[in-house]
Amino acid sequence: TAHRAHASTVGVTAYLPSYMGPLMERELDMLDEVLQRPRRPFVAVLGGAKVSDKIEVIERLLLVCDAILIGGGMGNTLLAAEGFDVGKSLRDADLGPAKKIREEIDRNAERVEVLLPEDGVVAKELKPDADSRFADVGEIAPDEMILDIGPTTAEKFTGVIEEAKTVLWNGPMGVFEIDAFAAGTEAVGDAIAASGALSVLGGGDTAAAAHKLGFADKMTYISTGGGATLEYLEGKELPGVAALRAAANA
């Protein structure tokens, strides 16, 4: 909760000796290494539900990354913003933020490579025994939903990851909780593990996927910062961190 100015994180520092614990210190060190001193190529992998929740993160990463790979619900939303019919797929209802991000991506196209899904695993129902198929992004029926990235996308994503020296990953590629829709997330995780890159994972779903699919112990660092990590990635000053640093210098 370092991103919130609570009495327990900020106010107390005015009355008692206050210090960062080793977990917070490690978290900040790893995020600073990724954002300020990345070994290149620096690749970000973004997934999860909403583009609108990560607009400022994407804008920041467009300035520092060599490549950004986007899947999951975020990928669906950006595809919809490009005019693709994504059927019943999870996506933002308001495409305005996604269109804004598309413009930012286009403006930075010569400097940073941004890859969106080209195909997906689609089904009409979200359940383990649902009939599913691979479909290119232009061939999704109105009653279908994208539940994972497809094999062509996974191959392209992993090809970029294999060359990376630094990887930041926030958000799964699909509904990894169901085995039928976990292959994309697993492929990305395995590629990061095999790359030898400095790898930082953020977000509860990403951490859960790493543990479920068996590559958690092969990552350099798994963040537990949640919303605070996202705000730090956006470049914002965190009240809890600022208070501790001020206390240390007092």
C-alpha atoms as a PDB file:
ATOM      1  CA  THR A   1       0.000   0.000   0.000  1.00  0.00           C
ATOM      2  CA  ALA A   2       2.976   2.329  -0.472  1.00  0.00           C
ATOM      3  CA  HIS A   3       0.993   4.135  -3.186  1.00  0.00           C
ATOM      4  CA  ARG A   4      -1.530   5.374  -0.601  1.00  0.00           C
ATOM      5  CA  ALA A   5      -0.878   8.121   1.955  1.00  0.00           C
ATOM      6  CA  HIS A   6      -2.138   6.183   4.979  1.00  0.00           C
ATOM      7  CA  ALA A   7      -1.367   6.935   8.611  1.00  0.00           C
ATOM      8  CA  SER A   8       0.286   3.512   8.871  1.00  0.00           C
ATOM      9  CA  THR A   9       2.614   4.105   5.911  1.00  0.00           C
ATOM     10  CA  VAL A  10       3.191   7.873   5.862  1.00  0.00           C
ATOM     11  CA  GLY A  11       1.936   9.495   9.056  1.00  0.00           C
ATOM     12  CA  VAL A  12       3.823   7.208  11.411  1.00  0.00           C
ATOM     13  CA  THR A  13       7.179   8.267   9.934  1.00  0.00           C
ATOM     14  CA  ALA A  14       6.794  11.699  11.556  1.00  0.00           C
ATOM     15  CA  TYR A  15       6.627  10.165  15.040  1.00  0.00           C
ATOM     16  CA  LEU A  16       8.710   6.984  15.077  1.00  0.00           C
ATOM     17  CA  PRO A  17      11.993   5.799  13.569  1.00  0.00           C
ATOM     18  CA  SER A  18      10.992   4.321  10.209  1.00  0.00           C
ATOM     19  CA  TYR A  19      12.862   2.110   7.771  1.00  0.00           C
ATOM     20  CA  MET A  20      12.251   0.063   4.645  1.00  0.00           C
ATOM     21  CA  GLY A  21      12.127  -3.654   5.183  1.00  0.00           C
ATOM     22  CA  PRO A  22      14.159  -5.994   2.961  1.00  0.00           C
ATOM     23  CA  LEU A  23      11.130  -6.892   0.808  1.00  0.00           C
ATOM     24  CA  MET A  24      10.359  -3.274  -0.121  1.00  0.00           C
ATOM     25  CA  GLU A  25      14.038  -2.534  -0.684  1.00  0.00           C
ATOM     26  CA  ARG A  26      14.392  -5.560  -2.970  1.00  0.00           C
ATOM     27  CA  GLU A  27      11.196  -4.624  -4.827  1.00  0.00           C
ATOM     28  CA  LEU A  28      12.414  -1.093  -5.542  1.00  0.00           C
ATOM     29  CA  ASP A  29      15.904  -2.271  -6.491  1.00  0.00           C
ATOM     30  CA  MET A  30      14.505  -4.730  -9.039  1.00  0.00           C
ATOM     31  CA  LEU A  31      12.046  -2.256 -10.551  1.00  0.00           C
ATOM     32  CA  ASP A  32      14.751   0.408 -10.787  1.00  0.00           C
ATOM     33  CA  GLU A  33      17.100  -2.026 -12.484  1.00  0.00           C
ATOM     34  CA  VAL A  34      14.437  -2.881 -15.062  1.00  0.00           C
ATOM     35  CA  LEU A  35      13.263   0.669 -15.730  1.00  0.00           C
ATOM     36  CA  GLN A  36      16.468   2.664 -15.355  1.00  0.00           C
ATOM     37  CA  ARG A  37      19.310   0.252 -16.112  1.00  0.00           C
ATOM     38  CA  PRO A  38      17.883  -2.482 -18.351  1.00  0.00           C
ATOM     39  CA  ARG A  39      20.167  -4.798 -20.229  1.00  0.00           C
ATOM     40  CA  ARG A  40      18.984  -4.763 -23.827  1.00  0.00           C
ATOM     41  CA  PRO A  41      16.951  -5.907 -25.609  1.00  0.00           C
ATOM     42  CA  PHE A  42      14.341  -4.982 -22.989  1.00  0.00           C
ATOM     43  CA  VAL A  43      10.996  -6.708 -23.598  1.00  0.00           C
ATOM     44  CA  ALA A  44       7.722  -6.093 -21.764  1.00  0.00           C
ATOM     45  CA  VAL A  45       4.924  -8.667 -21.835  1.00  0.00           C
ATOM     46  CA  LEU A  46       1.493  -7.301 -20.937  1.00  0.00           C
ATOM     47  CA  GLY A  47      -1.777  -9.148 -20.465  1.00  0.00           C
ATOM     48  CA  GLY A  48      -4.645  -9.244 -18.038  1.00  0.00           C
ATOM     49  CA  ALA A  49      -8.002  -7.578 -18.315  1.00  0.00           C
ATOM     50  CA  LYS A  50      -8.087  -3.837 -18.953  1.00  0.00           C
ATOM     51  CA  VAL A  51      -6.153  -1.419 -21.128  1.00  0.00           C
ATOM     52  CA  SER A  52      -7.693   1.463 -19.186  1.00  0.00           C
ATOM     53  CA  ASP A  53      -5.956   0.287 -15.986  1.00  0.00           C
ATOM     54  CA  LYS A  54      -2.520   0.313 -17.624  1.00  0.00           C
ATOM     55  CA  ILE A  55      -2.556   3.286 -19.999  1.00  0.00           C
ATOM     56  CA  GLU A  56       0.205   5.136 -18.151  1.00  0.00           C
ATOM     57  CA  VAL A  57       2.231   1.939 -17.763  1.00  0.00           C
ATOM     58  CA  ILE A  58       2.107   1.369 -21.523  1.00  0.00           C
ATOM     59  CA  GLU A  59       3.021   5.002 -22.201  1.00  0.00           C
ATOM     60  CA  ARG A  60       6.060   4.693 -19.918  1.00  0.00           C
ATOM     61  CA  LEU A  61       7.133   1.367 -21.406  1.00  0.00           C
ATOM     62  CA  LEU A  62       6.911   2.766 -24.932  1.00  0.00           C
ATOM     63  CA  LEU A  63       9.698   5.132 -23.894  1.00  0.00           C
ATOM     64  CA  VAL A  64      12.047   2.547 -22.397  1.00  0.00           C
ATOM     65  CA  CYS A  65      11.384  -0.832 -24.055  1.00  0.00           C
ATOM     66  CA  ASP A  66      12.715  -2.341 -27.262  1.00  0.00           C
ATOM     67  CA  ALA A  67       9.620  -4.528 -27.702  1.00  0.00           C
ATOM     68  CA  ILE A  68       6.194  -4.875 -26.077  1.00  0.00           C
ATOM     69  CA  LEU A  69       4.086  -8.025 -26.450  1.00  0.00           C
ATOM     70  CA  ILE A  70       0.394  -7.662 -25.599  1.00  0.00           C
ATOM     71  CA  GLY A  71      -2.091 -10.502 -25.078  1.00  0.00           C
ATOM     72  CA  GLY A  72      -5.008 -11.376 -22.816  1.00  0.00           C
ATOM     73  CA  GLY A  73      -7.923  -8.995 -22.417  1.00  0.00           C
ATOM     74  CA  MET A  74      -5.627  -6.073 -23.211  1.00  0.00           C
ATOM     75  CA  GLY A  75      -4.846  -7.620 -26.566  1.00  0.00           C
ATOM     76  CA  ASN A  76      -8.559  -8.134 -27.251  1.00  0.00           C
ATOM     77  CA  THR A  77      -9.285  -4.482 -26.507  1.00  0.00           C
ATOM     78  CA  LEU A  78      -6.510  -3.190 -28.747  1.00  0.00           C
ATOM     79  CA  LEU A  79      -7.642  -5.493 -31.557  1.00  0.00           C
ATOM     80  CA  ALA A  80     -11.189  -4.184 -31.176  1.00  0.00           C
ATOM     81  CA  ALA A  81      -9.822  -0.640 -31.321  1.00  0.00           C
ATOM     82  CA  GLU A  82      -8.237  -1.554 -34.660  1.00  0.00           C
ATOM     83  CA  GLY A  83     -11.630  -2.636 -35.956  1.00  0.00           C
ATOM     84  CA  PHE A  84     -11.450  -6.399 -35.479  1.00  0.00           C
ATOM     85  CA  ASP A  85     -14.569  -8.231 -34.311  1.00  0.00           C
ATOM     86  CA  VAL A  86     -13.504 -10.060 -31.145  1.00  0.00           C
ATOM     87  CA  GLY A  87     -16.947 -11.557 -30.522  1.00  0.00           C
ATOM     88  CA  LYS A  88     -17.810 -12.066 -26.859  1.00  0.00           C
ATOM     89  CA  SER A  89     -14.179 -11.745 -25.748  1.00  0.00           C
ATOM     90  CA  LEU A  90     -13.283  -9.924 -22.553  1.00  0.00           C
ATOM     91  CA  ARG A  91     -12.447  -6.343 -23.524  1.00  0.00           C
ATOM     92  CA  ASP A  92     -12.935  -2.764 -22.367  1.00  0.00           C
ATOM     93  CA  ALA A  93     -16.406  -1.450 -23.188  1.00  0.00           C
ATOM     94  CA  ASP A  94     -14.962   2.002 -23.835  1.00  0.00           C
ATOM     95  CA  LEU A  95     -12.449   1.792 -26.676  1.00  0.00           C
ATOM     96  CA  GLY A  96     -11.356   5.425 -26.328  1.00  0.00           C
ATOM     97  CA  PRO A  97      -8.294   4.700 -24.141  1.00  0.00           C
ATOM     98  CA  ALA A  98      -7.258   1.841 -26.435  1.00  0.00           C
ATOM     99  CA  LYS A  99      -7.456   4.076 -29.496  1.00  0.00           C
ATOM    100  CA  LYS A 100      -5.286   6.611 -27.680  1.00  0.00           C
ATOM    101  CA  ILE A 101      -2.723   3.897 -26.968  1.00  0.00           C
ATOM    102  CA  ARG A 102      -2.858   2.796 -30.623  1.00  0.00           C
ATOM    103  CA  GLU A 103      -1.890   6.339 -31.605  1.00  0.00           C
ATOM    104  CA  GLU A 104       1.011   6.267 -29.120  1.00  0.00           C
ATOM    105  CA  ILE A 105       2.147   2.914 -30.520  1.00  0.00           C
ATOM    106  CA  ASP A 106       2.078   4.276 -34.068  1.00  0.00           C
ATOM    107  CA  ARG A 107       4.058   7.361 -33.030  1.00  0.00           C
ATOM    108  CA  ASN A 108       6.776   5.175 -31.509  1.00  0.00           C
ATOM    109  CA  ALA A 109       6.736   2.488 -34.215  1.00  0.00           C
ATOM    110  CA  GLU A 110      10.264   3.181 -35.467  1.00  0.00           C
ATOM    111  CA  ARG A 111      11.786   2.853 -32.013  1.00  0.00           C
ATOM    112  CA  VAL A 112       9.819   0.104 -30.250  1.00  0.00           C
ATOM    113  CA  GLU A 113       8.250  -3.035 -31.711  1.00  0.00           C
ATOM    114  CA  VAL A 114       4.734  -3.731 -30.431  1.00  0.00           C
ATOM    115  CA  LEU A 115       3.176  -7.118 -31.208  1.00  0.00           C
ATOM    116  CA  LEU A 116      -0.525  -7.916 -30.807  1.00  0.00           C
ATOM    117  CA  PRO A 117      -2.148 -11.338 -31.191  1.00  0.00           C
ATOM    118  CA  GLU A 118      -2.507 -12.638 -34.733  1.00  0.00           C
ATOM    119  CA  ASP A 119      -4.525 -15.676 -33.710  1.00  0.00           C
ATOM    120  CA  GLY A 120      -6.210 -17.105 -30.646  1.00  0.00           C
ATOM    121  CA  VAL A 121      -7.804 -20.100 -29.004  1.00  0.00           C
ATOM    122  CA  VAL A 122     -11.535 -19.409 -29.221  1.00  0.00           C
ATOM    123  CA  ALA A 123     -14.641 -21.051 -27.777  1.00  0.00           C
ATOM    124  CA  LYS A 124     -18.301 -20.229 -27.313  1.00  0.00           C
ATOM    125  CA  GLU A 125     -18.235 -20.990 -23.586  1.00  0.00           C
ATOM    126  CA  LEU A 126     -15.741 -20.448 -20.800  1.00  0.00           C
ATOM    127  CA  LYS A 127     -15.542 -23.910 -19.289  1.00  0.00           C
ATOM    128  CA  PRO A 128     -12.973 -26.739 -19.221  1.00  0.00           C
ATOM    129  CA  ASP A 129     -14.827 -29.028 -21.621  1.00  0.00           C
ATOM    130  CA  ALA A 130     -15.838 -26.344 -24.125  1.00  0.00           C
ATOM    131  CA  ASP A 131     -15.205 -27.066 -27.798  1.00  0.00           C
ATOM    132  CA  SER A 132     -12.370 -24.784 -28.884  1.00  0.00           C
ATOM    133  CA  ARG A 133     -10.470 -24.008 -32.053  1.00  0.00           C
ATOM    134  CA  PHE A 134      -7.609 -21.889 -33.349  1.00  0.00           C
ATOM    135  CA  ALA A 135      -8.718 -18.811 -35.270  1.00  0.00           C
ATOM    136  CA  ASP A 136      -6.974 -15.860 -36.875  1.00  0.00           C
ATOM    137  CA  VAL A 137      -8.038 -12.531 -35.387  1.00  0.00           C
ATOM    138  CA  GLY A 138     -10.117 -11.692 -38.457  1.00  0.00           C
ATOM    139  CA  GLU A 139     -12.073 -14.954 -38.317  1.00  0.00           C
ATOM    140  CA  ILE A 140     -13.744 -14.854 -34.902  1.00  0.00           C
ATOM    141  CA  ALA A 141     -17.498 -15.390 -34.888  1.00  0.00           C
ATOM    142  CA  PRO A 142     -19.797 -13.029 -32.949  1.00  0.00           C
ATOM    143  CA  ASP A 143     -20.684 -15.822 -30.486  1.00  0.00           C
ATOM    144  CA  GLU A 144     -17.058 -16.810 -29.805  1.00  0.00           C
ATOM    145  CA  MET A 145     -14.514 -15.459 -27.330  1.00  0.00           C
ATOM    146  CA  ILE A 146     -10.718 -15.381 -27.375  1.00  0.00           C
ATOM    147  CA  LEU A 147      -9.480 -17.311 -24.340  1.00  0.00           C
ATOM    148  CA  ASP A 148      -5.759 -17.599 -25.098  1.00  0.00           C
ATOM    149  CA  ILE A 149      -3.226 -16.495 -27.676  1.00  0.00           C
ATOM    150  CA  GLY A 150      -2.880 -18.938 -30.558  1.00  0.00           C
ATOM    151  CA  PRO A 151       0.180 -20.910 -31.700  1.00  0.00           C
ATOM    152  CA  THR A 152       1.292 -18.389 -34.336  1.00  0.00           C
ATOM    153  CA  THR A 153       1.209 -15.573 -31.786  1.00  0.00           C
ATOM    154  CA  ALA A 154       2.934 -17.703 -29.157  1.00  0.00           C
ATOM    155  CA  GLU A 155       5.725 -18.529 -31.604  1.00  0.00           C
ATOM    156  CA  LYS A 156       6.260 -14.860 -32.482  1.00  0.00           C
ATOM    157  CA  PHE A 157       6.162 -13.765 -28.842  1.00  0.00           C
ATOM    158  CA  THR A 158       8.618 -16.433 -27.727  1.00  0.00           C
ATOM    159  CA  GLY A 159      10.938 -15.587 -30.620  1.00  0.00           C
ATOM    160  CA  VAL A 160      11.214 -12.017 -29.334  1.00  0.00           C
ATOM    161  CA  ILE A 161      11.639 -13.182 -25.731  1.00  0.00           C
ATOM    162  CA  GLU A 162      14.466 -15.553 -26.669  1.00  0.00           C
ATOM    163  CA  GLU A 163      16.601 -12.559 -27.674  1.00  0.00           C
ATOM    164  CA  ALA A 164      15.791 -10.507 -24.561  1.00  0.00           C
ATOM    165  CA  LYS A 165      18.242  -9.596 -21.822  1.00  0.00           C
ATOM    166  CA  THR A 166      15.576  -7.989 -19.587  1.00  0.00           C
ATOM    167  CA  VAL A 167      11.900  -8.995 -19.361  1.00  0.00           C
ATOM    168  CA  LEU A 168       9.082  -7.336 -17.441  1.00  0.00           C
ATOM    169  CA  TRP A 169       5.863  -9.388 -17.408  1.00  0.00           C
ATOM    170  CA  ASN A 170       2.511  -8.198 -16.074  1.00  0.00           C
ATOM    171  CA  GLY A 171      -0.644 -10.132 -16.921  1.00  0.00           C
ATOM    172  CA  PRO A 172      -1.357 -13.619 -18.335  1.00  0.00           C
ATOM    173  CA  MET A 173      -1.987 -14.333 -22.013  1.00  0.00           C
ATOM    174  CA  GLY A 174      -5.265 -16.136 -21.429  1.00  0.00           C
ATOM    175  CA  VAL A 175      -7.480 -17.970 -18.965  1.00  0.00           C
ATOM    176  CA  PHE A 176      -4.576 -20.013 -17.610  1.00  0.00           C
ATOM    177  CA  GLU A 177      -6.716 -21.362 -14.745  1.00  0.00           C
ATOM    178  CA  ILE A 178      -8.284 -23.718 -17.310  1.00  0.00           C
ATOM    179  CA  ASP A 179      -5.728 -26.090 -18.834  1.00  0.00           C
ATOM    180  CA  ALA A 180      -7.229 -25.824 -22.323  1.00  0.00           C
ATOM    181  CA  PHE A 181      -6.455 -22.104 -22.353  1.00  0.00           C
ATOM    182  CA  ALA A 182      -3.099 -22.082 -20.544  1.00  0.00           C
ATOM    183  CA  ALA A 183      -0.727 -22.906 -23.411  1.00  0.00           C
ATOM    184  CA  GLY A 184       0.007 -19.292 -24.367  1.00  0.00           C
ATOM    185  CA  THR A 185       0.858 -18.217 -20.833  1.00  0.00           C
ATOM    186  CA  GLU A 186       2.945 -21.354 -20.358  1.00  0.00           C
ATOM    187  CA  ALA A 187       4.847 -20.764 -23.614  1.00  0.00           C
ATOM    188  CA  VAL A 188       5.686 -17.202 -22.585  1.00  0.00           C
ATOM    189  CA  GLY A 189       6.796 -18.289 -19.113  1.00  0.00           C
ATOM    190  CA  ASP A 190       8.935 -21.125 -20.441  1.00  0.00           C
ATOM    191  CA  ALA A 191      10.560 -18.804 -22.984  1.00  0.00           C
ATOM    192  CA  ILE A 192      11.410 -16.242 -20.301  1.00  0.00           C
ATOM    193  CA  ALA A 193      12.860 -18.977 -18.090  1.00  0.00           C
ATOM    194  CA  ALA A 194      14.973 -20.341 -20.952  1.00  0.00           C
ATOM    195  CA  SER A 195      16.187 -16.926 -22.112  1.00  0.00           C
ATOM    196  CA  GLY A 196      18.476 -16.310 -19.168  1.00  0.00           C
ATOM    197  CA  ALA A 197      17.204 -12.724 -19.090  1.00  0.00           C
ATOM    198  CA  LEU A 198      16.741 -10.736 -15.911  1.00  0.00           C
ATOM    199  CA  SER A 199      13.014 -11.320 -15.404  1.00  0.00           C
ATOM    200  CA  VAL A 200      10.584  -9.436 -13.186  1.00  0.00           C
ATOM    201  CA  LEU A 201       6.963 -10.578 -12.898  1.00  0.00           C
ATOM    202  CA  GLY A 202       4.211  -8.368 -11.498  1.00  0.00           C
ATOM    203  CA  GLY A 203       0.560  -8.832 -10.662  1.00  0.00           C
ATOM    204  CA  GLY A 204      -1.266 -11.476  -8.667  1.00  0.00           C
ATOM    205  CA  ASP A 205      -2.539 -13.367 -11.714  1.00  0.00           C
ATOM    206  CA  THR A 206       0.922 -13.502 -13.267  1.00  0.00           C
ATOM    207  CA  ALA A 207       2.408 -14.822 -10.030  1.00  0.00           C
ATOM    208  CA  ALA A 208      -0.382 -17.393  -9.736  1.00  0.00           C
ATOM    209  CA  ALA A 209       0.258 -18.526 -13.310  1.00  0.00           C
ATOM    210  CA  ALA A 210       3.990 -18.829 -12.635  1.00  0.00           C
ATOM    211  CA  HIS A 211       3.354 -21.099  -9.654  1.00  0.00           C
ATOM    212  CA  LYS A 212       0.605 -23.132 -11.334  1.00  0.00           C
ATOM    213  CA  LEU A 213       2.555 -23.717 -14.538  1.00  0.00           C
ATOM    214  CA  GLY A 214       5.866 -24.431 -12.833  1.00  0.00           C
ATOM    215  CA  PHE A 215       8.233 -21.635 -13.830  1.00  0.00           C
ATOM    216  CA  ALA A 216       8.089 -19.431 -10.703  1.00  0.00           C
ATOM    217  CA  ASP A 217      11.467 -20.580  -9.387  1.00  0.00           C
ATOM    218  CA  LYS A 218      13.090 -19.776 -12.738  1.00  0.00           C
ATOM    219  CA  MET A 219      12.211 -16.080 -12.617  1.00  0.00           C
ATOM    220  CA  THR A 220      14.635 -13.508 -11.209  1.00  0.00           C
ATOM    221  CA  TYR A 221      11.981 -11.775  -9.126  1.00  0.00           C
ATOM    222  CA  ILE A 222       8.216 -12.004  -8.581  1.00  0.00           C
ATOM    223  CA  SER A 223       6.767  -8.722  -7.363  1.00  0.00           C
ATOM    224  CA  THR A 224       4.193  -8.619  -4.585  1.00  0.00           C
ATOM    225  CA  GLY A 225       3.586  -4.877  -4.857  1.00  0.00           C
ATOM    226  CA  GLY A 226       0.215  -4.991  -6.639  1.00  0.00           C
ATOM    227  CA  GLY A 227      -1.203  -1.537  -7.327  1.00  0.00           C
ATOM    228  CA  ALA A 228       1.876   0.142  -5.875  1.00  0.00           C
ATOM    229  CA  THR A 229       4.060  -1.621  -8.433  1.00  0.00           C
ATOM    230  CA  LEU A 230       1.827  -0.439 -11.279  1.00  0.00           C
ATOM    231  CA  GLU A 231       2.051   3.155 -10.081  1.00  0.00           C
ATOM    232  CA  TYR A 232       5.830   2.884  -9.762  1.00  0.00           C
ATOM    233  CA  LEU A 233       5.977   1.556 -13.321  1.00  0.00           C
ATOM    234  CA  GLU A 234       3.974   4.611 -14.378  1.00  0.00           C
ATOM    235  CA  GLY A 235       6.730   6.797 -12.950  1.00  0.00           C
ATOM    236  CA  LYS A 236       4.696   8.123 -10.037  1.00  0.00           C
ATOM    237  CA  GLU A 237       6.164   8.943  -6.645  1.00  0.00           C
ATOM    238  CA  LEU A 238       4.773   6.583  -4.010  1.00  0.00           C
ATOM    239  CA  PRO A 239       3.834   8.393  -0.767  1.00  0.00           C
ATOM    240  CA  GLY A 240       4.975   5.511   1.422  1.00  0.00           C
ATOM    241  CA  VAL A 241       8.365   5.314  -0.269  1.00  0.00           C
ATOM    242  CA  ALA A 242       8.851   9.086  -0.259  1.00  0.00           C
ATOM    243  CA  ALA A 243       8.065   9.224   3.467  1.00  0.00           C
ATOM    244  CA  LEU A 244      10.603   6.512   4.296  1.00  0.00           C
ATOM    245  CA  ARG A 245      13.298   8.156   2.207  1.00  0.00           C
ATOM    246  CA  ALA A 246      12.613  11.511   3.854  1.00  0.00           C
ATOM    247  CA  ALA A 247      12.812   9.871   7.280  1.00  0.00           C
ATOM    248  CA  ALA A 248      16.133   8.259   6.380  1.00  0.00           C
ATOM    249  CA  ASN A 249      17.560  11.639   5.372  1.00  0.00           C
ATOM    250  CA  ALA A 250      16.174  13.560   8.363  1.00  0.00           C
END
